[in-house]
Protein backbone atom coordinates (compact mmCIF):
# COMPACT_ATOMS: atom_id res chain seq x y z
CA LEU A 1 -16.18 -0.77 2.08
CA ALA A 2 -17.33 1.74 5.08
CA ALA A 3 -15.01 0.21 7.19
CA VAL A 4 -13.14 -2.52 7.72
CA PRO A 5 -14.48 -5.77 9.25
CA ASP A 6 -13.57 -6.91 12.05
CA HIS A 7 -13.87 -10.70 10.57
CA ALA A 8 -11.50 -11.83 8.09
CA ASP A 9 -14.54 -13.74 6.96
CA GLU A 10 -16.25 -10.64 5.49
CA LEU A 11 -13.16 -10.15 3.25
CA GLY A 12 -13.37 -13.19 1.64
CA ALA A 13 -15.03 -12.11 -1.26
CA PHE A 14 -12.09 -9.56 -1.91
CA ALA A 15 -8.62 -10.54 -4.10
CA GLY A 16 -7.66 -7.28 -3.83
CA ILE A 17 -8.39 -4.16 -1.44
CA VAL A 18 -6.73 -0.21 -1.62
CA ILE A 19 -7.17 1.38 1.43
CA ASP A 20 -6.39 5.11 0.84
CA ASP A 21 -4.99 7.22 4.09
CA VAL A 22 -6.87 6.09 6.96
CA PRO A 23 -6.38 7.35 10.03
CA GLY A 24 -5.27 3.84 11.34
CA LEU A 25 -7.37 1.25 11.88
CA THR A 26 -8.94 -1.13 15.31
CA PRO A 27 -7.20 -4.23 16.49
CA GLU A 28 -9.99 -6.72 15.18
CA GLY A 29 -10.19 -4.56 11.90
CA ARG A 30 -6.47 -5.60 11.86
CA LYS A 31 -6.39 -9.01 12.93
CA ALA A 32 -9.22 -9.39 10.20
CA LEU A 33 -6.78 -7.71 7.29
CA ALA A 34 -3.98 -9.72 8.57
CA ALA A 35 -5.29 -12.98 8.00
CA TRP A 36 -7.26 -12.32 4.74
CA VAL A 37 -3.55 -11.13 3.72
CA GLU A 38 -2.24 -14.03 4.78
CA ARG A 39 -4.66 -16.56 3.22
CA GLY A 40 -3.93 -15.00 -0.43
CA GLY A 41 -5.43 -11.17 -0.33
CA VAL A 42 -3.90 -8.42 -1.77
CA LEU A 43 -3.63 -5.52 -0.06
CA LEU A 44 -2.15 -1.62 -1.45
CA SER A 45 -2.17 0.86 1.63
CA THR A 46 -1.22 4.15 1.03
CA PHE A 47 -0.10 6.54 3.33
CA GLY A 48 -0.99 10.33 3.77
CA LYS A 49 -1.35 13.33 6.49
CA ARG A 50 -4.29 11.03 8.45
CA ALA A 51 -2.42 7.77 8.38
CA ALA A 52 0.05 9.20 10.60
CA ALA A 53 -2.61 10.73 12.78
CA ALA A 54 -3.85 7.75 14.33
CA PRO A 55 -5.49 7.82 17.39
CA LEU A 56 -4.43 6.20 20.25
CA GLY A 57 -5.12 2.67 20.20
CA SER A 58 -5.36 2.33 16.35
CA GLY A 59 -2.49 1.65 13.74
CA PHE A 60 -1.08 -0.72 11.16
CA ASP A 61 0.34 -3.51 12.61
CA PRO A 62 0.84 -6.45 11.77
CA VAL A 63 -0.28 -5.31 7.70
CA VAL A 64 2.72 -2.66 8.33
CA PRO A 65 4.61 -2.89 11.47
CA GLY A 66 5.91 0.20 13.83
CA VAL A 67 4.65 3.76 13.73
CA VAL A 68 4.15 5.54 9.85
CA ARG A 69 5.58 9.73 10.09
CA TRP A 70 4.11 12.47 7.74
CA GLY A 71 6.38 15.24 7.33
CA ALA A 72 8.02 17.51 4.13
CA SER A 73 9.87 15.35 1.67
CA PRO A 74 12.83 16.20 0.58
CA ALA A 75 12.83 15.01 -3.12
CA GLU A 76 10.75 16.47 -5.28
CA GLY A 77 10.48 13.06 -6.80
CA ALA A 78 11.50 9.73 -7.33
CA GLU A 79 14.07 8.11 -8.99
CA ALA A 80 13.18 6.95 -11.94
CA SER A 81 15.69 3.95 -12.75
CA SER A 82 14.63 2.41 -9.24
CA ALA A 83 11.20 2.22 -10.08
CA PHE A 84 11.39 -0.36 -12.85
CA PHE A 85 8.36 -2.62 -11.50
CA LEU A 86 6.04 0.29 -13.09
CA GLY A 87 7.28 0.19 -16.21
CA PRO A 88 8.25 3.17 -18.70
CA SER A 89 5.93 5.37 -16.91
CA ALA A 90 8.27 5.44 -13.95
CA GLU A 91 9.44 8.46 -16.04
CA GLY A 92 6.99 10.36 -14.93
CA LEU A 93 8.02 10.54 -11.01
CA SER A 94 10.66 12.10 -11.20
CA LYS A 95 8.76 15.64 -10.71
CA LEU A 96 5.35 14.83 -8.03
CA SER A 97 6.07 17.89 -6.00
CA PRO A 98 4.25 16.17 -3.22
CA GLU A 99 2.87 18.56 -0.44
CA GLY A 100 4.78 15.60 1.86
CA ARG A 101 5.43 12.17 2.27
CA ALA A 102 5.03 9.43 4.66
CA SER A 103 8.01 7.76 6.77
CA PHE A 104 7.89 3.88 7.99
CA GLU A 105 9.88 2.23 10.86
CA PRO A 106 12.81 -0.50 9.24
CA ILE A 107 10.69 -2.84 11.19
CA ALA A 108 8.03 -2.27 8.32
CA MET A 109 10.00 -2.64 5.34
CA ALA A 110 12.01 -6.02 6.90
CA GLY A 111 11.65 -8.62 3.83
CA ALA A 112 10.17 -6.18 2.40
CA ASP A 113 11.37 -5.40 -1.74
CA ILE A 114 11.61 -1.78 -2.36
CA LEU A 115 9.62 -0.87 -6.06
CA ALA A 116 10.24 2.53 -6.39
CA ARG A 117 12.61 5.44 -4.32
CA TRP A 118 12.46 8.75 -4.13
CA ALA A 119 15.25 11.07 -5.44
CA ASP A 120 17.21 10.57 -1.98
CA GLY A 121 16.44 7.12 -1.53
CA ALA A 122 13.68 6.59 1.33
CA PRO A 123 11.53 4.01 0.02
CA LEU A 124 7.98 5.05 -2.57
CA LEU A 125 6.59 2.34 -2.97
CA TRP A 126 7.28 -1.29 -1.48
CA ARG A 127 5.42 -4.56 -0.96
CA ARG A 128 5.97 -7.69 1.28
CA SER A 129 4.67 -11.03 1.33
CA MET A 130 2.57 -11.91 4.55
CA GLY A 131 1.33 -15.96 4.09
CA ARG A 132 0.22 -16.67 0.62
CA GLY A 133 -0.48 -13.01 0.09
CA ALA A 134 1.29 -9.67 -0.15
CA VAL A 135 1.05 -5.89 0.90
CA PHE A 136 1.76 -3.61 -1.09
CA ALA A 137 3.12 0.06 1.11
CA LEU A 138 2.63 3.67 -0.83
CA SER A 139 3.70 6.33 1.28
CA LEU A 140 1.88 9.44 -0.62
CA PRO A 141 -2.39 9.57 -0.19
CA LEU A 142 -4.34 9.36 -3.63
CA SER A 143 -5.45 12.45 -2.97
CA THR A 144 -4.24 15.54 -5.68
CA ASP A 145 -3.77 17.81 -3.20
CA GLU A 146 -1.12 15.88 -1.54
CA SER A 147 1.10 15.05 -5.07
CA ASP A 148 -0.23 14.37 -8.60
CA PHE A 149 0.84 10.55 -8.51
CA VAL A 150 -2.66 9.60 -9.12
CA LEU A 151 -2.61 12.11 -12.29
CA ARG A 152 0.13 10.03 -14.22
CA PRO A 153 0.39 7.09 -16.51
CA ALA A 154 3.21 4.77 -13.64
CA PHE A 155 -0.74 5.00 -11.14
CA LEU A 156 -2.06 2.96 -13.69
CA ALA A 157 0.97 0.69 -14.04
CA LEU A 158 0.90 0.30 -10.05
CA LEU A 159 -2.79 -0.46 -10.58
CA GLU A 160 -2.40 -3.28 -13.19
CA ARG A 161 0.84 -4.30 -11.39
CA PHE A 162 -1.38 -4.67 -8.21
CA VAL A 163 -4.47 -6.32 -9.82
CA GLY A 164 -2.23 -9.05 -11.56
CA THR A 165 -0.91 -9.57 -7.77
CA ALA A 166 -4.11 -10.24 -6.83
CA ARG A 167 -4.94 -12.59 -9.23
CA SER A 168 -2.22 -14.68 -9.00
CA ARG A 169 -1.95 -15.41 -4.74
CA GLY A 170 -6.05 -14.89 -4.28
CA GLY A 171 -8.08 -14.01 -7.48
CA ALA A 172 -8.57 -17.56 -8.76
CA ARG A 173 -9.78 -19.02 -5.55
CA VAL A 174 -11.45 -22.25 -5.91
CA VAL A 175 -15.07 -22.38 -5.65
CA ASP A 176 -17.56 -25.29 -6.27
CA VAL A 177 -19.31 -26.06 -9.19
CA GLY A 178 -22.48 -23.76 -9.12
CA ASP A 179 -20.92 -21.10 -7.28
């Protein structure tokens, strides 16, 4: 999609959506996305420099409440033992050497499951339920200019878990015969 639609009905055909490092969402887009997630949609949102530079009036609340900040990463990679969600491929995350990383306010992670942590303990990947759906948030963008996360097997494991969650929460929608 070129942009997040202003109405949740326009997202009804999707079980999962990946949003990569966008500079915030309009109030209408945020409302539509939140309604879609609450009805069973699964969102994977990644955060980088652009997301942290959201212009006035745009943001991610209520999907990701609070302010997203971008800064230097004091850790080279993830603590592999914390990333059990990504399976054996988590071992490859110990040396990501990121150009920076996003940080989230505590309100964003209230009630969330931390699925992977940076070596210094900060969240790398978390998941929070919203209604029947779920939001995954990654503190790195999918750009190879920022890190080599997308070149690691753990990225494929994340996509596999994301698709599995989308199928289980909203992907098997009830449809009328013939549709």
